[in-house]
Amino acid sequence: NTMGWYRQAPGKQRELVATITRAGNRVYEDSVKGRFTIARDNAKNTV
């Protein structure tokens, strides 16, 4: 269903970057909104 990206910087906890559902609903972390775009190819199971 949901695929996404998280990141972990030195000295910080792992945090959400972006997620996308199979239907294409997207969620972005505030600092990347407008700069990052998440997409997926369901046939390839690739995000």
PDB file of all heavy atoms in Angstrom:
ATOM      1  N   ASN A   1       0.832  -1.192   0.000  1.00  0.00           N
ATOM      2  CA  ASN A   1       0.000   0.000   0.000  1.00  0.00           C
ATOM      3  C   ASN A   1       0.874   1.252   0.000  1.00  0.00           C
ATOM      4  O   ASN A   1       1.151   1.820  -1.046  1.00  0.00           O
ATOM      5  CB  ASN A   1      -0.958  -0.011   1.183  1.00  0.00           C
ATOM      6  CG  ASN A   1      -1.920   1.166   1.158  1.00  0.00           C
ATOM      7  OD1 ASN A   1      -2.025   1.890   0.168  1.00  0.00           O
ATOM      8  ND2 ASN A   1      -2.634   1.365   2.252  1.00  0.00           N
ATOM      9  N   THR A   2       1.326   1.648   1.172  1.00  0.00           N
ATOM     10  CA  THR A   2       2.111   2.865   1.283  1.00  0.00           C
ATOM     11  C   THR A   2       3.594   2.589   1.078  1.00  0.00           C
ATOM     12  O   THR A   2       4.145   1.637   1.623  1.00  0.00           O
ATOM     13  CB  THR A   2       1.890   3.517   2.651  1.00  0.00           C
ATOM     14  OG1 THR A   2       0.495   3.754   2.848  1.00  0.00           O
ATOM     15  CG2 THR A   2       2.633   4.844   2.746  1.00  0.00           C
ATOM     16  N   MET A   3       4.234   3.438   0.296  1.00  0.00           N
ATOM     17  CA  MET A   3       5.676   3.449   0.166  1.00  0.00           C
ATOM     18  C   MET A   3       6.156   4.859   0.472  1.00  0.00           C
ATOM     19  O   MET A   3       5.402   5.825   0.351  1.00  0.00           O
ATOM     20  CB  MET A   3       6.124   3.024  -1.228  1.00  0.00           C
ATOM     21  CG  MET A   3       5.689   1.625  -1.628  1.00  0.00           C
ATOM     22  SD  MET A   3       6.373   1.074  -3.210  1.00  0.00           S
ATOM     23  CE  MET A   3       8.081   0.750  -2.739  1.00  0.00           C
ATOM     24  N   GLY A   4       7.402   4.955   0.875  1.00  0.00           N
ATOM     25  CA  GLY A   4       7.883   6.281   1.199  1.00  0.00           C
ATOM     26  C   GLY A   4       9.363   6.339   1.465  1.00  0.00           C
ATOM     27  O   GLY A   4      10.094   5.349   1.320  1.00  0.00           O
ATOM     28  N   TRP A   5       9.777   7.527   1.839  1.00  0.00           N
ATOM     29  CA  TRP A   5      11.175   7.810   2.134  1.00  0.00           C
ATOM     30  C   TRP A   5      11.293   8.457   3.503  1.00  0.00           C
ATOM     31  O   TRP A   5      10.509   9.350   3.850  1.00  0.00           O
ATOM     32  CB  TRP A   5      11.786   8.739   1.079  1.00  0.00           C
ATOM     33  CG  TRP A   5      11.892   8.108  -0.264  1.00  0.00           C
ATOM     34  CD1 TRP A   5      10.990   8.169  -1.278  1.00  0.00           C
ATOM     35  CD2 TRP A   5      12.979   7.314  -0.744  1.00  0.00           C
ATOM     36  NE1 TRP A   5      11.436   7.461  -2.366  1.00  0.00           N
ATOM     37  CE2 TRP A   5      12.658   6.922  -2.061  1.00  0.00           C
ATOM     38  CE3 TRP A   5      14.187   6.887  -0.189  1.00  0.00           C
ATOM     39  CZ2 TRP A   5      13.508   6.132  -2.835  1.00  0.00           C
ATOM     40  CZ3 TRP A   5      15.028   6.097  -0.955  1.00  0.00           C
ATOM     41  CH2 TRP A   5      14.690   5.729  -2.256  1.00  0.00           C
ATOM     42  N   TYR A   6      12.256   7.994   4.264  1.00  0.00           N
ATOM     43  CA  TYR A   6      12.631   8.578   5.531  1.00  0.00           C
ATOM     44  C   TYR A   6      14.115   8.909   5.488  1.00  0.00           C
ATOM     45  O   TYR A   6      14.846   8.382   4.646  1.00  0.00           O
ATOM     46  CB  TYR A   6      12.338   7.615   6.685  1.00  0.00           C
ATOM     47  CG  TYR A   6      10.859   7.372   6.913  1.00  0.00           C
ATOM     48  CD1 TYR A   6      10.106   6.639   6.012  1.00  0.00           C
ATOM     49  CD2 TYR A   6      10.219   7.875   8.043  1.00  0.00           C
ATOM     50  CE1 TYR A   6       8.749   6.417   6.211  1.00  0.00           C
ATOM     51  CE2 TYR A   6       8.867   7.656   8.261  1.00  0.00           C
ATOM     52  CZ  TYR A   6       8.143   6.928   7.342  1.00  0.00           C
ATOM     53  OH  TYR A   6       6.801   6.712   7.558  1.00  0.00           O
ATOM     54  N   ARG A   7      14.550   9.778   6.381  1.00  0.00           N
ATOM     55  CA  ARG A   7      15.964  10.117   6.408  1.00  0.00           C
ATOM     56  C   ARG A   7      16.453  10.273   7.835  1.00  0.00           C
ATOM     57  O   ARG A   7      15.685  10.584   8.747  1.00  0.00           O
ATOM     58  CB  ARG A   7      16.241  11.398   5.610  1.00  0.00           C
ATOM     59  CG  ARG A   7      15.631  12.663   6.196  1.00  0.00           C
ATOM     60  CD  ARG A   7      15.825  13.838   5.249  1.00  0.00           C
ATOM     61  NE  ARG A   7      15.261  15.071   5.782  1.00  0.00           N
ATOM     62  CZ  ARG A   7      15.183  16.207   5.099  1.00  0.00           C
ATOM     63  NH1 ARG A   7      15.651  16.275   3.863  1.00  0.00           N
ATOM     64  NH2 ARG A   7      14.648  17.287   5.675  1.00  0.00           N
ATOM     65  N   GLN A   8      17.739  10.061   8.000  1.00  0.00           N
ATOM     66  CA  GLN A   8      18.361  10.207   9.303  1.00  0.00           C
ATOM     67  C   GLN A   8      19.679  10.945   9.135  1.00  0.00           C
ATOM     68  O   GLN A   8      20.582  10.469   8.452  1.00  0.00           O
ATOM     69  CB  GLN A   8      18.588   8.853   9.968  1.00  0.00           C
ATOM     70  CG  GLN A   8      19.073   8.956  11.401  1.00  0.00           C
ATOM     71  CD  GLN A   8      18.990   7.639  12.132  1.00  0.00           C
ATOM     72  OE1 GLN A   8      18.932   6.581  11.514  1.00  0.00           O
ATOM     73  NE2 GLN A   8      18.982   7.696  13.452  1.00  0.00           N
ATOM     74  N   ALA A   9      19.762  12.105   9.757  1.00  0.00           N
ATOM     75  CA  ALA A   9      20.967  12.918   9.750  1.00  0.00           C
ATOM     76  C   ALA A   9      21.745  12.680  11.032  1.00  0.00           C
ATOM     77  O   ALA A   9      21.183  12.213  12.030  1.00  0.00           O
ATOM     78  CB  ALA A   9      20.611  14.391   9.614  1.00  0.00           C
ATOM     79  N   PRO A  10      23.034  12.993  11.039  1.00  0.00           N
ATOM     80  CA  PRO A  10      23.830  12.806  12.254  1.00  0.00           C
ATOM     81  C   PRO A  10      23.222  13.520  13.452  1.00  0.00           C
ATOM     82  O   PRO A  10      22.859  14.693  13.366  1.00  0.00           O
ATOM     83  CB  PRO A  10      25.184  13.411  11.884  1.00  0.00           C
ATOM     84  CG  PRO A  10      25.260  13.267  10.405  1.00  0.00           C
ATOM     85  CD  PRO A  10      23.859  13.486   9.917  1.00  0.00           C
ATOM     86  N   GLY A  11      23.106  12.798  14.554  1.00  0.00           N
ATOM     87  CA  GLY A  11      22.578  13.370  15.770  1.00  0.00           C
ATOM     88  C   GLY A  11      21.072  13.532  15.820  1.00  0.00           C
ATOM     89  O   GLY A  11      20.560  14.113  16.774  1.00  0.00           O
ATOM     90  N   LYS A  12      20.380  13.033  14.819  1.00  0.00           N
ATOM     91  CA  LYS A  12      18.935  13.176  14.768  1.00  0.00           C
ATOM     92  C   LYS A  12      18.250  11.819  14.622  1.00  0.00           C
ATOM     93  O   LYS A  12      18.862  10.840  14.193  1.00  0.00           O
ATOM     94  CB  LYS A  12      18.525  14.075  13.604  1.00  0.00           C
ATOM     95  CG  LYS A  12      18.992  15.512  13.720  1.00  0.00           C
ATOM     96  CD  LYS A  12      18.446  16.349  12.588  1.00  0.00           C
ATOM     97  CE  LYS A  12      18.856  17.802  12.721  1.00  0.00           C
ATOM     98  NZ  LYS A  12      18.292  18.627  11.608  1.00  0.00           N
ATOM     99  N   GLN A  13      16.984  11.793  14.984  1.00  0.00           N
ATOM    100  CA  GLN A  13      16.173  10.608  14.779  1.00  0.00           C
ATOM    101  C   GLN A  13      15.750  10.497  13.320  1.00  0.00           C
ATOM    102  O   GLN A  13      15.728  11.484  12.584  1.00  0.00           O
ATOM    103  CB  GLN A  13      14.927  10.653  15.671  1.00  0.00           C
ATOM    104  CG  GLN A  13      15.208  10.688  17.164  1.00  0.00           C
ATOM    105  CD  GLN A  13      15.540   9.331  17.725  1.00  0.00           C
ATOM    106  OE1 GLN A  13      15.637   8.339  16.994  1.00  0.00           O
ATOM    107  NE2 GLN A  13      15.720   9.262  19.031  1.00  0.00           N
ATOM    108  N   ARG A  14      15.421   9.293  12.925  1.00  0.00           N
ATOM    109  CA  ARG A  14      14.904   9.094  11.590  1.00  0.00           C
ATOM    110  C   ARG A  14      13.560   9.811  11.459  1.00  0.00           C
ATOM    111  O   ARG A  14      12.710   9.718  12.351  1.00  0.00           O
ATOM    112  CB  ARG A  14      14.752   7.603  11.290  1.00  0.00           C
ATOM    113  CG  ARG A  14      14.414   7.296   9.845  1.00  0.00           C
ATOM    114  CD  ARG A  14      14.404   5.793   9.571  1.00  0.00           C
ATOM    115  NE  ARG A  14      15.699   5.186   9.831  1.00  0.00           N
ATOM    116  CZ  ARG A  14      15.995   3.921   9.561  1.00  0.00           C
ATOM    117  NH1 ARG A  14      15.088   3.129   9.005  1.00  0.00           N
ATOM    118  NH2 ARG A  14      17.192   3.441   9.842  1.00  0.00           N
ATOM    119  N   GLU A  15      13.364  10.518  10.367  1.00  0.00           N
ATOM    120  CA  GLU A  15      12.163  11.302  10.183  1.00  0.00           C
ATOM    121  C   GLU A  15      11.538  11.050   8.821  1.00  0.00           C
ATOM    122  O   GLU A  15      12.210  10.684   7.855  1.00  0.00           O
ATOM    123  CB  GLU A  15      12.462  12.798  10.331  1.00  0.00           C
ATOM    124  CG  GLU A  15      13.355  13.360   9.241  1.00  0.00           C
ATOM    125  CD  GLU A  15      13.563  14.857   9.349  1.00  0.00           C
ATOM    126  OE1 GLU A  15      13.074  15.464  10.322  1.00  0.00           O
ATOM    127  OE2 GLU A  15      14.225  15.433   8.459  1.00  0.00           O
ATOM    128  N   LEU A  16      10.253  11.286   8.763  1.00  0.00           N
ATOM    129  CA  LEU A  16       9.514  11.186   7.515  1.00  0.00           C
ATOM    130  C   LEU A  16       9.990  12.239   6.530  1.00  0.00           C
ATOM    131  O   LEU A  16      10.186  13.395   6.889  1.00  0.00           O
ATOM    132  CB  LEU A  16       8.021  11.387   7.786  1.00  0.00           C
ATOM    133  CG  LEU A  16       7.128  11.570   6.555  1.00  0.00           C
ATOM    134  CD1 LEU A  16       6.893  10.233   5.873  1.00  0.00           C
ATOM    135  CD2 LEU A  16       5.799  12.202   6.946  1.00  0.00           C
ATOM    136  N   VAL A  17      10.161  11.842   5.288  1.00  0.00           N
ATOM    137  CA  VAL A  17      10.388  12.778   4.197  1.00  0.00           C
ATOM    138  C   VAL A  17       9.119  12.891   3.356  1.00  0.00           C
ATOM    139  O   VAL A  17       8.575  13.974   3.163  1.00  0.00           O
ATOM    140  CB  VAL A  17      11.576  12.365   3.322  1.00  0.00           C
ATOM    141  CG1 VAL A  17      11.743  13.341   2.156  1.00  0.00           C
ATOM    142  CG2 VAL A  17      12.850  12.296   4.152  1.00  0.00           C
ATOM    143  N   ALA A  18       8.660  11.772   2.849  1.00  0.00           N
ATOM    144  CA  ALA A  18       7.459  11.750   2.030  1.00  0.00           C
ATOM    145  C   ALA A  18       6.928  10.337   1.942  1.00  0.00           C
ATOM    146  O   ALA A  18       7.699   9.370   1.984  1.00  0.00           O
ATOM    147  CB  ALA A  18       7.731  12.290   0.625  1.00  0.00           C
ATOM    148  N   THR A  19       5.623  10.205   1.817  1.00  0.00           N
ATOM    149  CA  THR A  19       4.988   8.910   1.588  1.00  0.00           C
ATOM    150  C   THR A  19       3.961   9.046   0.478  1.00  0.00           C
ATOM    151  O   THR A  19       3.464  10.137   0.195  1.00  0.00           O
ATOM    152  CB  THR A  19       4.298   8.350   2.840  1.00  0.00           C
ATOM    153  OG1 THR A  19       3.241   9.225   3.248  1.00  0.00           O
ATOM    154  CG2 THR A  19       5.294   8.187   3.980  1.00  0.00           C
ATOM    155  N   ILE A  20       3.644   7.918  -0.123  1.00  0.00           N
ATOM    156  CA  ILE A  20       2.640   7.882  -1.174  1.00  0.00           C
ATOM    157  C   ILE A  20       1.892   6.561  -1.086  1.00  0.00           C
ATOM    158  O   ILE A  20       2.493   5.497  -0.938  1.00  0.00           O
ATOM    159  CB  ILE A  20       3.272   8.092  -2.564  1.00  0.00           C
ATOM    160  CG1 ILE A  20       2.202   8.110  -3.656  1.00  0.00           C
ATOM    161  CG2 ILE A  20       4.344   7.045  -2.845  1.00  0.00           C
ATOM    162  CD1 ILE A  20       2.739   8.571  -5.009  1.00  0.00           C
ATOM    163  N   THR A  21       0.574   6.629  -1.152  1.00  0.00           N
ATOM    164  CA  THR A  21      -0.234   5.422  -1.143  1.00  0.00           C
ATOM    165  C   THR A  21      -0.341   4.854  -2.545  1.00  0.00           C
ATOM    166  O   THR A  21       0.062   5.473  -3.537  1.00  0.00           O
ATOM    167  CB  THR A  21      -1.643   5.693  -0.602  1.00  0.00           C
ATOM    168  OG1 THR A  21      -2.360   6.516  -1.540  1.00  0.00           O
ATOM    169  CG2 THR A  21      -1.597   6.385   0.751  1.00  0.00           C
ATOM    170  N   ARG A  22      -0.899   3.657  -2.633  1.00  0.00           N
ATOM    171  CA  ARG A  22      -1.093   3.029  -3.926  1.00  0.00           C
ATOM    172  C   ARG A  22      -1.994   3.885  -4.812  1.00  0.00           C
ATOM    173  O   ARG A  22      -1.816   3.914  -6.030  1.00  0.00           O
ATOM    174  CB  ARG A  22      -1.693   1.639  -3.749  1.00  0.00           C
ATOM    175  CG  ARG A  22      -1.743   0.819  -5.021  1.00  0.00           C
ATOM    176  CD  ARG A  22      -2.190  -0.607  -4.737  1.00  0.00           C
ATOM    177  NE  ARG A  22      -2.181  -1.407  -5.958  1.00  0.00           N
ATOM    178  CZ  ARG A  22      -1.118  -2.042  -6.423  1.00  0.00           C
ATOM    179  NH1 ARG A  22       0.030  -1.984  -5.775  1.00  0.00           N
ATOM    180  NH2 ARG A  22      -1.208  -2.748  -7.543  1.00  0.00           N
ATOM    181  N   ALA A  23      -2.937   4.598  -4.204  1.00  0.00           N
ATOM    182  CA  ALA A  23      -3.848   5.455  -4.937  1.00  0.00           C
ATOM    183  C   ALA A  23      -3.239   6.787  -5.334  1.00  0.00           C
ATOM    184  O   ALA A  23      -3.851   7.539  -6.090  1.00  0.00           O
ATOM    185  CB  ALA A  23      -5.119   5.697  -4.125  1.00  0.00           C
ATOM    186  N   GLY A  24      -2.057   7.099  -4.810  1.00  0.00           N
ATOM    187  CA  GLY A  24      -1.382   8.328  -5.178  1.00  0.00           C
ATOM    188  C   GLY A  24      -1.507   9.464  -4.190  1.00  0.00           C
ATOM    189  O   GLY A  24      -1.114  10.594  -4.508  1.00  0.00           O
ATOM    190  N   ASN A  25      -2.031   9.218  -3.008  1.00  0.00           N
ATOM    191  CA  ASN A  25      -2.105  10.245  -1.986  1.00  0.00           C
ATOM    192  C   ASN A  25      -0.731  10.470  -1.383  1.00  0.00           C
ATOM    193  O   ASN A  25      -0.051   9.521  -1.001  1.00  0.00           O
ATOM    194  CB  ASN A  25      -3.100   9.856  -0.903  1.00  0.00           C
ATOM    195  CG  ASN A  25      -4.482   9.591  -1.458  1.00  0.00           C
ATOM    196  OD1 ASN A  25      -4.995   8.480  -1.380  1.00  0.00           O
ATOM    197  ND2 ASN A  25      -5.091  10.620  -2.026  1.00  0.00           N
ATOM    198  N   ARG A  26      -0.334  11.727  -1.258  1.00  0.00           N
ATOM    199  CA  ARG A  26       1.020  12.065  -0.847  1.00  0.00           C
ATOM    200  C   ARG A  26       1.051  12.855   0.453  1.00  0.00           C
ATOM    201  O   ARG A  26       0.165  13.669   0.723  1.00  0.00           O
ATOM    202  CB  ARG A  26       1.713  12.880  -1.936  1.00  0.00           C
ATOM    203  CG  ARG A  26       1.919  12.132  -3.236  1.00  0.00           C
ATOM    204  CD  ARG A  26       2.338  13.084  -4.340  1.00  0.00           C
ATOM    205  NE  ARG A  26       2.779  12.397  -5.546  1.00  0.00           N
ATOM    206  CZ  ARG A  26       1.968  11.995  -6.523  1.00  0.00           C
ATOM    207  NH1 ARG A  26       0.659  12.203  -6.432  1.00  0.00           N
ATOM    208  NH2 ARG A  26       2.471  11.392  -7.590  1.00  0.00           N
ATOM    209  N   VAL A  27       2.084  12.610   1.235  1.00  0.00           N
ATOM    210  CA  VAL A  27       2.364  13.364   2.444  1.00  0.00           C
ATOM    211  C   VAL A  27       3.827  13.769   2.412  1.00  0.00           C
ATOM    212  O   VAL A  27       4.695  12.946   2.111  1.00  0.00           O
ATOM    213  CB  VAL A  27       2.063  12.551   3.720  1.00  0.00           C
ATOM    214  CG1 VAL A  27       2.514  13.304   4.962  1.00  0.00           C
ATOM    215  CG2 VAL A  27       0.584  12.231   3.814  1.00  0.00           C
ATOM    216  N   TYR A  28       4.107  15.047   2.732  1.00  0.00           N
ATOM    217  CA  TYR A  28       5.464  15.570   2.734  1.00  0.00           C
ATOM    218  C   TYR A  28       5.805  16.191   4.073  1.00  0.00           C
ATOM    219  O   TYR A  28       4.958  16.815   4.720  1.00  0.00           O
ATOM    220  CB  TYR A  28       5.654  16.645   1.661  1.00  0.00           C
ATOM    221  CG  TYR A  28       5.557  16.158   0.243  1.00  0.00           C
ATOM    222  CD1 TYR A  28       4.384  16.303  -0.486  1.00  0.00           C
ATOM    223  CD2 TYR A  28       6.653  15.564  -0.383  1.00  0.00           C
ATOM    224  CE1 TYR A  28       4.300  15.861  -1.798  1.00  0.00           C
ATOM    225  CE2 TYR A  28       6.576  15.124  -1.691  1.00  0.00           C
ATOM    226  CZ  TYR A  28       5.398  15.275  -2.395  1.00  0.00           C
ATOM    227  OH  TYR A  28       5.317  14.842  -3.705  1.00  0.00           O
ATOM    228  N   GLU A  29       7.053  16.039   4.466  1.00  0.00           N
ATOM    229  CA  GLU A  29       7.568  16.779   5.594  1.00  0.00           C
ATOM    230  C   GLU A  29       7.638  18.258   5.201  1.00  0.00           C
ATOM    231  O   GLU A  29       7.936  18.584   4.049  1.00  0.00           O
ATOM    232  CB  GLU A  29       8.946  16.245   5.986  1.00  0.00           C
ATOM    233  CG  GLU A  29       9.480  16.738   7.318  1.00  0.00           C
ATOM    234  CD  GLU A  29      10.286  17.999   7.177  1.00  0.00           C
ATOM    235  OE1 GLU A  29      10.902  18.214   6.123  1.00  0.00           O
ATOM    236  OE2 GLU A  29      10.292  18.788   8.140  1.00  0.00           O
ATOM    237  N   ASP A  30       7.382  19.145   6.149  1.00  0.00           N
ATOM    238  CA  ASP A  30       7.226  20.554   5.826  1.00  0.00           C
ATOM    239  C   ASP A  30       8.445  21.156   5.123  1.00  0.00           C
ATOM    240  O   ASP A  30       8.306  21.956   4.188  1.00  0.00           O
ATOM    241  CB  ASP A  30       6.930  21.363   7.089  1.00  0.00           C
ATOM    242  CG  ASP A  30       5.524  21.159   7.603  1.00  0.00           C
ATOM    243  OD1 ASP A  30       4.673  20.666   6.843  1.00  0.00           O
ATOM    244  OD2 ASP A  30       5.271  21.506   8.776  1.00  0.00           O
ATOM    245  N   SER A  31       9.635  20.781   5.545  1.00  0.00           N
ATOM    246  CA  SER A  31      10.828  21.416   5.012  1.00  0.00           C
ATOM    247  C   SER A  31      11.140  21.022   3.571  1.00  0.00           C
ATOM    248  O   SER A  31      11.935  21.692   2.912  1.00  0.00           O
ATOM    249  CB  SER A  31      12.039  21.106   5.901  1.00  0.00           C
ATOM    250  OG  SER A  31      12.417  19.749   5.804  1.00  0.00           O
ATOM    251  N   VAL A  32      10.525  19.957   3.079  1.00  0.00           N
ATOM    252  CA  VAL A  32      10.782  19.530   1.706  1.00  0.00           C
ATOM    253  C   VAL A  32       9.627  19.854   0.777  1.00  0.00           C
ATOM    254  O   VAL A  32       9.757  19.694  -0.449  1.00  0.00           O
ATOM    255  CB  VAL A  32      11.108  18.024   1.622  1.00  0.00           C
ATOM    256  CG1 VAL A  32      12.193  17.648   2.620  1.00  0.00           C
ATOM    257  CG2 VAL A  32       9.858  17.171   1.824  1.00  0.00           C
ATOM    258  N   LYS A  33       8.533  20.313   1.329  1.00  0.00           N
ATOM    259  CA  LYS A  33       7.367  20.621   0.515  1.00  0.00           C
ATOM    260  C   LYS A  33       7.703  21.698  -0.511  1.00  0.00           C
ATOM    261  O   LYS A  33       8.279  22.733  -0.187  1.00  0.00           O
ATOM    262  CB  LYS A  33       6.211  21.083   1.408  1.00  0.00           C
ATOM    263  CG  LYS A  33       4.896  21.238   0.678  1.00  0.00           C
ATOM    264  CD  LYS A  33       3.771  21.607   1.634  1.00  0.00           C
ATOM    265  CE  LYS A  33       2.443  21.746   0.921  1.00  0.00           C
ATOM    266  NZ  LYS A  33       1.351  22.112   1.859  1.00  0.00           N
ATOM    267  N   GLY A  34       7.347  21.448  -1.744  1.00  0.00           N
ATOM    268  CA  GLY A  34       7.644  22.369  -2.828  1.00  0.00           C
ATOM    269  C   GLY A  34       8.974  22.120  -3.497  1.00  0.00           C
ATOM    270  O   GLY A  34       9.222  22.664  -4.585  1.00  0.00           O
ATOM    271  N   ARG A  35       9.829  21.321  -2.877  1.00  0.00           N
ATOM    272  CA  ARG A  35      11.134  21.010  -3.447  1.00  0.00           C
ATOM    273  C   ARG A  35      11.249  19.546  -3.863  1.00  0.00           C
ATOM    274  O   ARG A  35      11.903  19.239  -4.853  1.00  0.00           O
ATOM    275  CB  ARG A  35      12.252  21.334  -2.455  1.00  0.00           C
ATOM    276  CG  ARG A  35      12.313  22.798  -2.053  1.00  0.00           C
ATOM    277  CD  ARG A  35      13.542  23.090  -1.199  1.00  0.00           C
ATOM    278  NE  ARG A  35      13.517  22.353   0.063  1.00  0.00           N
ATOM    279  CZ  ARG A  35      14.436  21.469   0.440  1.00  0.00           C
ATOM    280  NH1 ARG A  35      15.464  21.199  -0.352  1.00  0.00           N
ATOM    281  NH2 ARG A  35      14.345  20.863   1.609  1.00  0.00           N
ATOM    282  N   PHE A  36      10.633  18.669  -3.088  1.00  0.00           N
ATOM    283  CA  PHE A  36      10.694  17.236  -3.358  1.00  0.00           C
ATOM    284  C   PHE A  36       9.362  16.759  -3.913  1.00  0.00           C
ATOM    285  O   PHE A  36       8.297  17.283  -3.555  1.00  0.00           O
ATOM    286  CB  PHE A  36      10.985  16.439  -2.081  1.00  0.00           C
ATOM    287  CG  PHE A  36      12.363  16.631  -1.506  1.00  0.00           C
ATOM    288  CD1 PHE A  36      13.230  17.599  -1.979  1.00  0.00           C
ATOM    289  CD2 PHE A  36      12.781  15.810  -0.470  1.00  0.00           C
ATOM    290  CE1 PHE A  36      14.492  17.763  -1.431  1.00  0.00           C
ATOM    291  CE2 PHE A  36      14.042  15.965   0.083  1.00  0.00           C
ATOM    292  CZ  PHE A  36      14.895  16.943  -0.400  1.00  0.00           C
ATOM    293  N   THR A  37       9.423  15.751  -4.754  1.00  0.00           N
ATOM    294  CA  THR A  37       8.230  15.128  -5.290  1.00  0.00           C
ATOM    295  C   THR A  37       8.369  13.617  -5.203  1.00  0.00           C
ATOM    296  O   THR A  37       9.359  13.057  -5.677  1.00  0.00           O
ATOM    297  CB  THR A  37       7.980  15.532  -6.751  1.00  0.00           C
ATOM    298  OG1 THR A  37       7.868  16.957  -6.851  1.00  0.00           O
ATOM    299  CG2 THR A  37       6.689  14.894  -7.261  1.00  0.00           C
ATOM    300  N   ILE A  38       7.385  12.976  -4.589  1.00  0.00           N
ATOM    301  CA  ILE A  38       7.375  11.528  -4.518  1.00  0.00           C
ATOM    302  C   ILE A  38       6.405  10.987  -5.565  1.00  0.00           C
ATOM    303  O   ILE A  38       5.349  11.572  -5.816  1.00  0.00           O
ATOM    304  CB  ILE A  38       7.013  11.028  -3.103  1.00  0.00           C
ATOM    305  CG1 ILE A  38       7.234   9.519  -2.988  1.00  0.00           C
ATOM    306  CG2 ILE A  38       5.585  11.408  -2.716  1.00  0.00           C
ATOM    307  CD1 ILE A  38       7.148   8.998  -1.554  1.00  0.00           C
ATOM    308  N   ALA A  39       6.783   9.893  -6.192  1.00  0.00           N
ATOM    309  CA  ALA A  39       5.947   9.256  -7.196  1.00  0.00           C
ATOM    310  C   ALA A  39       6.176   7.753  -7.140  1.00  0.00           C
ATOM    311  O   ALA A  39       7.143   7.287  -6.530  1.00  0.00           O
ATOM    312  CB  ALA A  39       6.264   9.803  -8.591  1.00  0.00           C
ATOM    313  N   ARG A  40       5.293   7.007  -7.768  1.00  0.00           N
ATOM    314  CA  ARG A  40       5.471   5.558  -7.785  1.00  0.00           C
ATOM    315  C   ARG A  40       4.937   4.964  -9.070  1.00  0.00           C
ATOM    316  O   ARG A  40       4.068   5.542  -9.733  1.00  0.00           O
ATOM    317  CB  ARG A  40       4.807   4.900  -6.569  1.00  0.00           C
ATOM    318  CG  ARG A  40       3.291   4.962  -6.557  1.00  0.00           C
ATOM    319  CD  ARG A  40       2.733   4.454  -5.226  1.00  0.00           C
ATOM    320  NE  ARG A  40       2.884   3.011  -5.077  1.00  0.00           N
ATOM    321  CZ  ARG A  40       2.595   2.336  -3.964  1.00  0.00           C
ATOM    322  NH1 ARG A  40       2.154   2.987  -2.891  1.00  0.00           N
ATOM    323  NH2 ARG A  40       2.756   1.022  -3.917  1.00  0.00           N
ATOM    324  N   ASP A  41       5.468   3.810  -9.384  1.00  0.00           N
ATOM    325  CA  ASP A  41       5.016   3.004 -10.498  1.00  0.00           C
ATOM    326  C   ASP A  41       4.511   1.700  -9.892  1.00  0.00           C
ATOM    327  O   ASP A  41       5.306   0.845  -9.496  1.00  0.00           O
ATOM    328  CB  ASP A  41       6.150   2.754 -11.486  1.00  0.00           C
ATOM    329  CG  ASP A  41       5.707   2.003 -12.724  1.00  0.00           C
ATOM    330  OD1 ASP A  41       4.723   1.246 -12.665  1.00  0.00           O
ATOM    331  OD2 ASP A  41       6.359   2.173 -13.774  1.00  0.00           O
ATOM    332  N   ASN A  42       3.204   1.560  -9.797  1.00  0.00           N
ATOM    333  CA  ASN A  42       2.632   0.393  -9.134  1.00  0.00           C
ATOM    334  C   ASN A  42       2.964  -0.908  -9.859  1.00  0.00           C
ATOM    335  O   ASN A  42       3.155  -1.943  -9.224  1.00  0.00           O
ATOM    336  CB  ASN A  42       1.116   0.541  -9.009  1.00  0.00           C
ATOM    337  CG  ASN A  42       0.711   1.619  -8.028  1.00  0.00           C
ATOM    338  OD1 ASN A  42       1.446   1.933  -7.087  1.00  0.00           O
ATOM    339  ND2 ASN A  42      -0.467   2.198  -8.229  1.00  0.00           N
ATOM    340  N   ALA A  43       3.029  -0.858 -11.176  1.00  0.00           N
ATOM    341  CA  ALA A  43       3.340  -2.056 -11.943  1.00  0.00           C
ATOM    342  C   ALA A  43       4.737  -2.568 -11.642  1.00  0.00           C
ATOM    343  O   ALA A  43       4.991  -3.771 -11.697  1.00  0.00           O
ATOM    344  CB  ALA A  43       3.177  -1.789 -13.431  1.00  0.00           C
ATOM    345  N   LYS A  44       5.642  -1.663 -11.326  1.00  0.00           N
ATOM    346  CA  LYS A  44       7.021  -2.031 -11.028  1.00  0.00           C
ATOM    347  C   LYS A  44       7.305  -2.105  -9.534  1.00  0.00           C
ATOM    348  O   LYS A  44       8.429  -2.439  -9.149  1.00  0.00           O
ATOM    349  CB  LYS A  44       7.986  -1.033 -11.666  1.00  0.00           C
ATOM    350  CG  LYS A  44       7.958  -1.016 -13.182  1.00  0.00           C
ATOM    351  CD  LYS A  44       8.960   0.000 -13.713  1.00  0.00           C
ATOM    352  CE  LYS A  44       8.976   0.017 -15.223  1.00  0.00           C
ATOM    353  NZ  LYS A  44       9.950   1.019 -15.745  1.00  0.00           N
ATOM    354  N   ASN A  45       6.316  -1.777  -8.709  1.00  0.00           N
ATOM    355  CA  ASN A  45       6.527  -1.695  -7.267  1.00  0.00           C
ATOM    356  C   ASN A  45       7.744  -0.843  -6.935  1.00  0.00           C
ATOM    357  O   ASN A  45       8.582  -1.218  -6.113  1.00  0.00           O
ATOM    358  CB  ASN A  45       6.664  -3.085  -6.646  1.00  0.00           C
ATOM    359  CG  ASN A  45       5.325  -3.711  -6.316  1.00  0.00           C
ATOM    360  OD1 ASN A  45       4.380  -3.022  -5.939  1.00  0.00           O
ATOM    361  ND2 ASN A  45       5.238  -5.027  -6.449  1.00  0.00           N
ATOM    362  N   THR A  46       7.809   0.293  -7.573  1.00  0.00           N
ATOM    363  CA  THR A  46       8.937   1.188  -7.430  1.00  0.00           C
ATOM    364  C   THR A  46       8.460   2.566  -7.001  1.00  0.00           C
ATOM    365  O   THR A  46       7.456   3.070  -7.515  1.00  0.00           O
ATOM    366  CB  THR A  46       9.724   1.293  -8.742  1.00  0.00           C
ATOM    367  OG1 THR A  46      10.213   0.003  -9.108  1.00  0.00           O
ATOM    368  CG2 THR A  46      10.898   2.248  -8.605  1.00  0.00           C
ATOM    369  N   VAL A  47       9.179   3.155  -6.064  1.00  0.00           N
ATOM    370  CA  VAL A  47       8.891   4.503  -5.606  1.00  0.00           C
ATOM    371  C   VAL A  47      10.090   5.385  -5.900  1.00  0.00           C
ATOM    372  O   VAL A  47      11.243   4.941  -5.830  1.00  0.00           O
ATOM    373  CB  VAL A  47       8.523   4.523  -4.107  1.00  0.00           C
ATOM    374  CG1 VAL A  47       9.695   4.073  -3.244  1.00  0.00           C
ATOM    375  CG2 VAL A  47       8.033   5.902  -3.687  1.00  0.00           C
TER     376      VAL A  47
END
